[in-house]
Amino acid sequence: MNKEIKRMQGCIRMTEFDGFSEIIAKAVLMGQWPVSLIDYPHTLRPREMYKLLTLKRPNHAGRKHYLNKLNKYPWKKI
């Protein structure tokens, strides 16, 4: 799956609820601009897909946000 995601420009996830999808997570960690019906930080909604035409840079803010969030384990004291 990692090899396939690396070849993609982003992803579209049109499910109303399924938890935090691994595809969304990996896409944003790779600096892509995922589109999701669920309002996750640093992703686009379907009504915002037109923004993809003008985005020229990777999603650095999203990558930084999720690296900080996903690397904090609630059971481990830091």
Protein backbone atom coordinates (compact mmCIF):
# COMPACT_ATOMS: atom_id res chain seq x y z
CA MET A 1 0.00 0.00 0.00
CA ASN A 2 2.86 2.42 0.76
CA LYS A 3 4.21 2.08 -2.79
CA GLU A 4 0.79 2.83 -4.25
CA ILE A 5 0.24 5.89 -2.04
CA LYS A 6 3.66 7.31 -3.00
CA ARG A 7 2.60 7.31 -6.66
CA MET A 8 -0.60 9.24 -5.89
CA GLN A 9 -1.06 13.00 -5.80
CA GLY A 10 -3.56 12.73 -2.93
CA CYS A 11 -6.64 10.80 -1.96
CA ILE A 12 -10.41 11.22 -1.79
CA ARG A 13 -12.27 9.52 1.06
CA MET A 14 -16.04 9.88 0.70
CA THR A 15 -17.24 7.91 3.72
CA GLU A 16 -19.22 9.72 6.42
CA PHE A 17 -17.54 7.85 9.26
CA ASP A 18 -14.85 5.21 9.46
CA GLY A 19 -12.43 6.52 12.06
CA PHE A 20 -9.16 8.12 10.98
CA SER A 21 -8.32 6.35 7.74
CA GLU A 22 -4.78 5.09 7.22
CA ILE A 23 -4.91 6.38 3.66
CA ILE A 24 -5.76 9.91 4.88
CA ALA A 25 -2.99 9.71 7.49
CA LYS A 26 -0.34 8.49 5.06
CA ALA A 27 -1.35 10.99 2.38
CA VAL A 28 -1.07 13.98 4.71
CA LEU A 29 2.20 12.67 6.20
CA MET A 30 3.58 12.56 2.65
CA GLY A 31 2.62 16.20 2.16
CA GLN A 32 -0.39 15.47 -0.03
CA TRP A 33 -3.78 17.21 0.18
CA PRO A 34 -6.38 14.54 1.05
CA VAL A 35 -10.07 15.22 0.50
CA SER A 36 -12.49 13.84 3.10
CA LEU A 37 -16.14 14.17 4.05
CA ILE A 38 -14.97 14.11 7.67
CA ASP A 39 -13.64 17.47 8.86
CA TYR A 40 -10.05 16.53 9.76
CA PRO A 41 -7.48 19.32 10.29
CA HIS A 42 -5.31 20.09 7.24
CA THR A 43 -7.50 18.19 4.78
CA LEU A 44 -9.94 19.51 2.21
CA ARG A 45 -13.69 18.95 2.03
CA PRO A 46 -15.28 17.89 -1.28
CA ARG A 47 -16.67 21.42 -1.75
CA GLU A 48 -13.08 22.73 -1.53
CA MET A 49 -11.61 20.44 -4.18
CA TYR A 50 -11.30 23.38 -6.58
CA LYS A 51 -8.41 24.59 -4.36
CA LEU A 52 -6.33 21.68 -5.65
CA LEU A 53 -6.02 23.56 -8.95
CA THR A 54 -4.11 26.39 -7.29
CA LEU A 55 -2.10 24.61 -4.57
CA LYS A 56 1.55 24.66 -5.61
CA ARG A 57 3.25 23.44 -2.43
CA PRO A 58 3.09 20.24 -0.37
CA ASN A 59 0.96 20.18 2.75
CA HIS A 60 3.84 20.98 5.15
CA ALA A 61 1.56 22.31 7.91
CA GLY A 62 -0.55 19.14 7.81
CA ARG A 63 2.50 16.91 7.91
CA LYS A 64 3.92 18.77 10.92
CA HIS A 65 0.54 18.71 12.72
CA TYR A 66 0.05 14.96 12.33
CA LEU A 67 3.68 14.05 13.08
CA ASN A 68 3.27 15.81 16.43
CA LYS A 69 -0.18 14.35 17.08
CA LEU A 70 0.44 10.74 15.98
CA ASN A 71 3.75 10.40 17.80
CA LYS A 72 2.24 11.13 21.21
CA TYR A 73 1.20 7.92 22.87
CA PRO A 74 -1.34 8.36 25.71
CA TRP A 75 0.06 5.40 27.66
CA LYS A 76 3.66 6.63 27.60
CA LYS A 77 4.91 9.49 29.76
CA ILE A 78 7.17 11.84 27.84
